[in-house]
């Protein structure tokens, strides 16, 4: 019996020992696994922190580089306007509202003042100067009558016109209206009636621009309504210089007002069997068109050639050839703030030039700069 009891006790102990060992092992394993999990979490946090630090450093570097680029841009813009030929001339007092400006002595070709002269921008109805030169270069009969048709209606911008459909005018009259009143239907009819039609006309415009050395200029239509008609202030100086060599263009664009005879309707009262009634009848009437450049009607300005332009994409533009202090000057003002600010800019440029001439800071015509 004693032997049996001893055997049972030893057997129980033998079974209990592995179970205890297994329990101990099981109790240890979760602690080790938890330790490993904590270690992995620490490593992950470390990697995330490192990534955040790297991203922060990268972001700071990108921001600093962006700020540096902006600083360079602001410094570049601060340098405009630039006195191309006269570095000692004080021109900061001009404070022009136009985004791009070029003022050139037409006789010597010297740039007297420049602000963003090589920035290409839409030029609106300044285009019509090129349109007029192409028409004159073609040698087409100026007395030929052209009818305003549906093809001449502005369907791009929806601009209005005082030329009704069916109006018949000579090529010379259309040229006057396109330049003086900036009539889009007149310019459209001129390009449409060109040999080969509008495609050939636009091709001739770009060929003329290339011949004048206008390397940053491109035309797609003869009205300027399309904002793809683009040029720079420097290129437009060449355009104005070329246009001023056409006596007819000088005469037309410097005129303050132009009148044409056009058909119209008039309502009159007539008596019919003792009763008065109103009758509409067709009559010929004289219609006056004012120059879009108000300076052409000012006696204080001696303007040889001028043209204005405006569409939303181009802003208010003005180009002129004028005599200032007995000096032929070409003035290009692009993308001005408002309709009157381009006129104000022209006045500021003239006043500034006159002060520079009188003070001797700019050499007058015929002066020898070496003396």
Protein backbone atom coordinates (compact mmCIF):
# COMPACT_ATOMS: atom_id res chain seq x y z
CA UNK A 1 0.00 0.00 0.00
CA UNK A 2 2.79 2.38 0.93
CA UNK A 3 4.50 1.58 -2.31
CA UNK A 4 1.31 2.32 -4.22
CA UNK A 5 0.91 5.70 -2.54
CA UNK A 6 4.54 6.60 -3.22
CA UNK A 7 4.10 5.71 -6.89
CA UNK A 8 0.99 7.85 -7.20
CA UNK A 9 2.68 10.86 -5.55
CA UNK A 10 5.73 10.61 -7.82
CA UNK A 11 3.50 10.29 -10.88
CA UNK A 12 1.55 13.37 -9.84
CA UNK A 13 4.73 15.34 -9.33
CA UNK A 14 6.03 14.23 -12.72
CA UNK A 15 2.86 15.46 -14.43
CA UNK A 16 2.70 18.74 -12.44
CA UNK A 17 6.29 19.76 -13.19
CA UNK A 18 5.88 20.08 -16.99
CA UNK A 19 2.54 21.82 -16.51
CA UNK A 20 4.17 24.34 -14.16
CA UNK A 21 7.02 24.78 -16.60
CA UNK A 22 4.55 25.27 -19.44
CA UNK A 23 2.60 27.76 -17.35
CA UNK A 24 5.77 29.63 -16.51
CA UNK A 25 6.78 29.69 -20.13
CA UNK A 26 3.35 30.89 -21.12
CA UNK A 27 3.53 33.65 -18.53
CA UNK A 28 6.92 34.74 -19.80
CA UNK A 29 6.07 34.72 -23.51
CA UNK A 30 3.44 37.50 -23.36
CA UNK A 31 5.92 39.75 -21.56
CA UNK A 32 8.56 39.18 -24.21
CA UNK A 33 6.03 39.69 -26.98
CA UNK A 34 4.90 42.95 -25.36
CA UNK A 35 8.50 44.05 -25.15
CA UNK A 36 9.01 43.34 -28.81
CA UNK A 37 5.81 45.28 -29.68
CA UNK A 38 6.97 48.26 -27.64
CA UNK A 39 10.37 48.16 -29.32
CA UNK A 40 8.77 48.07 -32.76
CA UNK A 41 6.47 50.97 -31.84
CA UNK A 42 9.47 52.99 -30.64
CA UNK A 43 11.29 52.30 -33.89
CA UNK A 44 8.19 53.29 -35.90
CA UNK A 45 7.79 56.50 -33.91
CA UNK A 46 11.46 57.20 -34.45
CA UNK A 47 11.11 56.64 -38.20
CA UNK A 48 7.96 58.86 -38.37
CA UNK A 49 9.70 61.56 -36.35
CA UNK A 50 12.70 61.37 -38.64
CA UNK A 51 10.45 61.62 -41.69
CA UNK A 52 8.63 64.62 -40.18
CA UNK A 53 11.95 66.28 -39.41
CA UNK A 54 13.14 65.61 -42.97
CA UNK A 55 9.89 66.91 -44.42
CA UNK A 56 10.09 69.97 -42.20
CA UNK A 57 13.65 70.63 -43.35
CA UNK A 58 12.60 70.08 -46.99
CA UNK A 59 9.58 72.36 -46.56
CA UNK A 60 11.75 75.06 -45.04
CA UNK A 61 14.20 74.71 -47.92
CA UNK A 62 11.39 74.87 -50.52
CA UNK A 63 9.83 77.87 -48.79
CA UNK A 64 13.17 79.62 -48.58
CA UNK A 65 13.84 78.89 -52.26
CA UNK A 66 10.37 80.18 -53.19
CA UNK A 67 10.89 83.30 -51.11
CA UNK A 68 14.26 83.76 -52.78
CA UNK A 69 12.72 83.45 -56.25
CA UNK A 70 10.01 85.93 -55.29
CA UNK A 71 12.69 88.24 -53.97
CA UNK A 72 14.57 88.02 -57.26
CA UNK A 73 11.32 88.67 -59.14
CA UNK A 74 10.48 91.67 -56.98
CA UNK A 75 14.01 93.01 -57.44
CA UNK A 76 13.67 92.53 -61.20
CA UNK A 77 10.35 94.34 -61.28
CA UNK A 78 11.74 97.06 -59.06
CA UNK A 79 14.31 97.77 -61.75
CA UNK A 80 11.55 98.68 -64.24
CA UNK A 81 11.19 101.19 -65.72
CA UNK A 82 14.64 101.06 -67.25
CA UNK A 83 16.47 103.97 -68.83
CA UNK A 84 17.94 102.09 -71.73
CA UNK A 85 20.27 104.80 -73.03
CA UNK A 86 20.35 107.38 -70.23
CA UNK A 87 21.18 105.70 -66.96
CA UNK A 88 21.60 108.98 -65.08
CA UNK A 89 18.12 110.26 -65.91
CA UNK A 90 15.68 110.33 -63.02
CA UNK A 91 12.46 108.72 -64.28
CA UNK A 92 10.99 107.29 -61.09
CA UNK A 93 8.75 110.35 -60.80
CA UNK A 94 6.82 109.27 -63.91
CA UNK A 95 4.69 106.71 -62.03
CA UNK A 96 3.01 105.45 -65.21
CA UNK A 97 -0.18 103.38 -65.09
CA UNK A 98 0.67 101.42 -68.23
CA UNK A 99 2.16 97.95 -67.77
CA UNK A 100 4.50 98.16 -70.78
CA UNK A 101 5.99 101.39 -72.14
CA UNK A 102 8.52 102.36 -74.80
CA UNK A 103 9.53 105.91 -75.71
CA UNK A 104 12.00 106.31 -78.56
CA UNK A 105 13.67 109.18 -80.36
CA UNK A 106 12.42 108.49 -83.89
CA UNK A 107 15.32 110.23 -85.58
CA UNK A 108 18.17 108.54 -83.74
CA UNK A 109 16.41 105.33 -82.69
CA UNK A 110 17.55 105.82 -79.11
CA UNK A 111 15.29 104.52 -76.36
CA UNK A 112 14.51 107.37 -73.98
CA UNK A 113 12.38 105.33 -71.59
CA UNK A 114 11.40 101.67 -71.31
CA UNK A 115 9.24 99.59 -69.02
CA UNK A 116 8.74 95.89 -69.77
CA UNK A 117 9.44 96.56 -73.46
CA UNK A 118 9.87 92.90 -74.46
CA UNK A 119 6.79 91.41 -72.79
CA UNK A 120 4.39 90.04 -75.44
CA UNK A 121 0.78 91.01 -74.81
CA UNK A 122 -2.51 91.33 -76.74
CA UNK A 123 -2.61 94.64 -78.62
CA UNK A 124 -6.31 94.98 -79.52
CA UNK A 125 -7.03 97.62 -82.18
CA UNK A 126 -3.41 98.71 -82.49
CA UNK A 127 -3.65 95.83 -85.00
CA UNK A 128 -5.50 98.17 -87.36
CA UNK A 129 -2.27 100.06 -88.14
CA UNK A 130 -0.90 96.88 -89.70
CA UNK A 131 -4.26 96.27 -91.39
CA UNK A 132 -4.07 99.71 -93.01
CA UNK A 133 -0.50 99.25 -94.23
CA UNK A 134 -1.34 95.90 -95.84
CA UNK A 135 -4.33 97.49 -97.61
CA UNK A 136 -2.20 100.34 -98.95
CA UNK A 137 0.67 98.05 -99.93
CA UNK A 138 -1.74 96.01 -102.08
CA UNK A 139 -2.45 99.08 -104.23
CA UNK A 140 -6.17 98.36 -104.28
CA UNK A 141 -8.46 101.07 -105.71
CA UNK A 142 -9.45 103.37 -102.86
CA UNK A 143 -12.69 104.39 -104.57
CA UNK A 144 -13.97 100.82 -104.84
CA UNK A 145 -17.23 100.42 -102.93
CA UNK A 146 -17.52 97.67 -100.33
CA UNK A 147 -20.75 96.52 -98.69
CA UNK A 148 -20.85 95.72 -94.96
CA UNK A 149 -22.16 92.16 -94.67
CA UNK A 150 -22.93 89.46 -92.10
CA UNK A 151 -19.33 88.27 -92.35
CA UNK A 152 -18.22 91.56 -90.79
CA UNK A 153 -20.35 91.25 -87.64
CA UNK A 154 -18.30 90.72 -84.48
CA UNK A 155 -19.35 87.32 -83.15
CA UNK A 156 -16.28 86.94 -80.92
CA UNK A 157 -16.70 89.86 -78.51
CA UNK A 158 -20.17 91.01 -79.53
CA UNK A 159 -19.05 94.61 -79.98
CA UNK A 160 -21.49 97.14 -81.41
CA UNK A 161 -21.06 99.13 -84.61
CA UNK A 162 -22.53 102.23 -86.18
CA UNK A 163 -22.22 100.63 -89.60
CA UNK A 164 -25.46 98.86 -90.35
CA UNK A 165 -25.58 95.77 -92.51
CA UNK A 166 -25.88 96.77 -96.14
CA UNK A 167 -23.96 100.04 -95.68
CA UNK A 168 -21.88 100.75 -98.77
CA UNK A 169 -18.69 102.78 -98.39
CA UNK A 170 -15.52 103.23 -100.39
CA UNK A 171 -12.31 101.51 -99.34
CA UNK A 172 -10.88 104.90 -98.38
CA UNK A 173 -13.87 105.68 -96.17
CA UNK A 174 -13.57 102.30 -94.47
CA UNK A 175 -9.88 102.99 -93.90
CA UNK A 176 -10.76 106.28 -92.20
CA UNK A 177 -13.35 104.66 -89.94
CA UNK A 178 -11.09 101.74 -89.01
CA UNK A 179 -8.32 104.09 -87.91
CA UNK A 180 -10.21 107.10 -86.50
CA UNK A 181 -13.22 105.44 -84.86
CA UNK A 182 -11.65 101.96 -84.60
CA UNK A 183 -14.68 100.53 -86.41
CA UNK A 184 -14.35 96.75 -86.35
CA UNK A 185 -16.77 96.16 -89.21
CA UNK A 186 -14.76 98.55 -91.37
CA UNK A 187 -11.52 96.71 -90.63
CA UNK A 188 -13.26 93.36 -91.19
CA UNK A 189 -14.57 94.48 -94.59
CA UNK A 190 -11.10 95.68 -95.59
CA UNK A 191 -9.55 92.30 -94.83
CA UNK A 192 -12.44 90.39 -96.42
CA UNK A 193 -12.18 92.32 -99.70
CA UNK A 194 -8.43 91.63 -99.99
CA UNK A 195 -7.37 89.39 -102.92
CA UNK A 196 -7.47 85.87 -101.55
CA UNK A 197 -9.75 86.83 -98.68
CA UNK A 198 -8.95 86.93 -94.98
CA UNK A 199 -6.44 84.02 -94.95
CA UNK A 200 -4.28 85.79 -97.53
CA UNK A 201 -4.71 89.08 -95.69
CA UNK A 202 -3.51 87.67 -92.35
CA UNK A 203 -0.60 86.01 -94.12
CA UNK A 204 0.35 89.39 -95.59
CA UNK A 205 0.13 90.98 -92.12
CA UNK A 206 2.57 88.48 -90.63
CA UNK A 207 4.88 88.78 -93.63
CA UNK A 208 4.93 92.56 -93.18
CA UNK A 209 5.68 92.16 -89.47
CA UNK A 210 8.60 89.86 -90.27
CA UNK A 211 9.91 92.31 -92.85
CA UNK A 212 9.85 95.09 -90.24
CA UNK A 213 11.81 92.93 -87.79
CA UNK A 214 8.88 92.50 -85.41
CA UNK A 215 10.12 89.14 -84.16
CA UNK A 216 7.75 88.91 -81.17
CA UNK A 217 4.57 89.79 -83.07
CA UNK A 218 1.80 87.61 -84.45
CA UNK A 219 -1.53 88.41 -86.10
CA UNK A 220 -4.61 86.23 -86.60
CA UNK A 221 -7.14 88.83 -87.77
CA UNK A 222 -7.35 92.39 -89.06
CA UNK A 223 -9.55 93.89 -86.33
CA UNK A 224 -7.62 93.14 -83.14
CA UNK A 225 -10.67 91.59 -81.48
CA UNK A 226 -8.83 88.29 -81.14
CA UNK A 227 -6.47 88.33 -78.16
CA UNK A 228 -4.08 86.10 -80.12
CA UNK A 229 -2.92 89.25 -81.91
CA UNK A 230 0.16 89.85 -79.78
CA UNK A 231 3.22 92.07 -79.80
CA UNK A 232 5.67 93.88 -77.55
CA UNK A 233 6.20 97.57 -76.88
CA UNK A 234 9.59 97.34 -78.63
CA UNK A 235 8.02 95.74 -81.72
CA UNK A 236 5.23 98.31 -81.83
CA UNK A 237 7.81 101.09 -82.00
CA UNK A 238 8.82 99.56 -85.35
CA UNK A 239 5.17 99.37 -86.40
CA UNK A 240 4.53 103.04 -85.58
CA UNK A 241 7.74 104.10 -87.29
CA UNK A 242 6.75 102.22 -90.46
CA UNK A 243 3.15 103.49 -90.40
CA UNK A 244 4.31 107.09 -90.00
CA UNK A 245 6.02 106.83 -93.38
CA UNK A 246 2.59 106.56 -95.08
CA UNK A 247 1.31 110.13 -95.64
CA UNK A 248 -2.31 108.97 -95.81
CA UNK A 249 -2.06 107.16 -92.47
CA UNK A 250 -0.51 110.22 -90.85
CA UNK A 251 -3.29 112.40 -92.21
CA UNK A 252 -6.07 110.01 -91.16
CA UNK A 253 -4.92 109.11 -87.65
CA UNK A 254 -4.09 112.68 -86.62
CA UNK A 255 -7.59 113.90 -87.58
CA UNK A 256 -9.89 114.56 -84.64
CA UNK A 257 -13.16 113.84 -86.44
CA UNK A 258 -14.36 112.36 -89.73
CA UNK A 259 -17.79 112.41 -91.33
CA UNK A 260 -19.33 110.07 -93.89
CA UNK A 261 -22.65 110.07 -95.69
CA UNK A 262 -24.69 106.96 -94.95
CA UNK A 263 -28.27 105.90 -95.57
CA UNK A 264 -30.64 106.16 -92.66
CA UNK A 265 -34.30 106.27 -91.75
CA UNK A 266 -36.25 109.42 -90.96
CA UNK A 267 -39.75 109.63 -89.59
CA UNK A 268 -41.85 112.49 -91.03
CA UNK A 269 -45.44 113.58 -90.64
CA UNK A 270 -47.62 113.73 -93.73
CA UNK A 271 -51.23 114.66 -94.30
CA UNK A 272 -53.40 112.06 -95.99
CA UNK A 273 -57.07 112.94 -96.64
CA UNK A 274 -57.09 115.40 -93.78
CA UNK A 275 -55.40 113.04 -91.33
CA UNK A 276 -51.80 113.34 -90.12
CA UNK A 277 -49.77 110.17 -89.99
CA UNK A 278 -46.13 109.30 -89.53
CA UNK A 279 -44.14 107.83 -92.36
CA UNK A 280 -40.61 106.37 -92.24
CA UNK A 281 -38.49 106.98 -95.28
CA UNK A 282 -34.90 106.39 -96.28
CA UNK A 283 -32.64 109.44 -96.32
CA UNK A 284 -28.93 110.10 -96.68
CA UNK A 285 -27.43 111.58 -93.55
CA UNK A 286 -24.04 112.87 -92.50
CA UNK A 287 -22.59 110.90 -89.60
CA UNK A 288 -19.61 112.18 -87.61
CA UNK A 289 -17.04 109.79 -86.11
CA UNK A 290 -14.67 111.08 -83.41
CA UNK A 291 -11.09 109.94 -83.08
CA UNK A 292 -10.76 107.51 -80.18
CA UNK A 293 -7.60 109.39 -79.16
CA UNK A 294 -8.88 112.62 -77.61
CA UNK A 295 -5.40 114.16 -77.83
CA UNK A 296 -5.84 114.54 -81.60
CA UNK A 297 -8.41 117.27 -80.82
CA UNK A 298 -6.08 119.08 -78.41
CA UNK A 299 -4.22 122.08 -79.88
CA UNK A 300 -1.40 121.60 -77.37
CA UNK A 301 -0.32 118.34 -79.01
CA UNK A 302 1.53 118.01 -82.32
CA UNK A 303 0.58 114.44 -83.26
CA UNK A 304 1.78 112.86 -86.48
CA UNK A 305 0.19 109.43 -86.06
CA UNK A 306 -1.86 107.68 -83.38
CA UNK A 307 -3.99 104.63 -82.64
CA UNK A 308 -5.83 103.40 -79.59
CA UNK A 309 -6.88 99.88 -78.66
CA UNK A 310 -8.92 98.05 -76.07
CA UNK A 311 -10.19 94.59 -75.28
CA UNK A 312 -10.33 93.05 -71.81
CA UNK A 313 -7.23 90.93 -72.40
CA UNK A 314 -5.14 93.86 -73.67
CA UNK A 315 -6.30 96.68 -71.40
CA UNK A 316 -6.26 100.25 -72.68
CA UNK A 317 -3.48 100.87 -75.22
CA UNK A 318 -2.17 103.91 -77.08
CA UNK A 319 0.60 104.36 -79.64
CA UNK A 320 1.65 107.73 -81.04
CA UNK A 321 4.23 109.56 -83.06
CA UNK A 322 4.41 113.18 -81.90
CA UNK A 323 6.79 116.12 -81.83
CA UNK A 324 7.82 116.97 -78.29
CA UNK A 325 10.12 119.94 -77.81
CA UNK A 326 10.89 119.90 -81.55
CA UNK A 327 11.86 116.25 -81.31
CA UNK A 328 10.04 113.40 -83.16
CA UNK A 329 9.16 110.85 -80.52
CA UNK A 330 7.42 107.48 -80.73
CA UNK A 331 5.40 106.57 -77.66
CA UNK A 332 3.93 103.12 -76.92
CA UNK A 333 1.66 102.63 -73.89
CA UNK A 334 0.18 99.15 -73.34
CA UNK A 335 -2.25 97.67 -70.83
CA UNK A 336 -3.07 100.85 -68.95
CA UNK A 337 -5.42 100.82 -65.95
CA UNK A 338 -8.27 102.75 -67.52
CA UNK A 339 -9.47 104.65 -70.56
CA UNK A 340 -8.16 107.98 -69.27
CA UNK A 341 -4.98 106.69 -67.64
CA UNK A 342 -3.34 106.09 -71.04
CA UNK A 343 -4.00 109.77 -71.86
CA UNK A 344 -2.58 110.72 -68.48
CA UNK A 345 0.49 108.57 -69.09
CA UNK A 346 1.07 110.29 -72.43
CA UNK A 347 0.88 113.68 -70.72
CA UNK A 348 3.28 112.55 -67.98
CA UNK A 349 5.77 111.26 -70.54
CA UNK A 350 5.62 114.53 -72.50
CA UNK A 351 6.10 116.62 -69.37
CA UNK A 352 9.00 114.46 -68.27
CA UNK A 353 10.68 114.63 -71.69
CA UNK A 354 10.28 118.41 -71.85
CA UNK A 355 11.86 118.76 -68.42
CA UNK A 356 14.75 116.51 -69.42
CA UNK A 357 15.32 118.43 -72.65
CA UNK A 358 15.22 121.81 -70.89
CA UNK A 359 17.60 120.66 -68.16
CA UNK A 360 20.02 119.23 -70.71
CA UNK A 361 19.86 115.71 -69.35
CA UNK A 362 18.78 114.44 -72.76
CA UNK A 363 20.80 115.65 -75.75
CA UNK A 364 18.72 117.66 -78.19
CA UNK A 365 18.64 116.89 -81.88
CA UNK A 366 21.82 117.84 -83.65
CA UNK A 367 23.84 118.00 -80.42
CA UNK A 368 27.10 116.13 -80.36
CA UNK A 369 27.06 113.95 -77.22
CA UNK A 370 30.86 113.99 -77.12
CA UNK A 371 31.01 117.76 -76.62
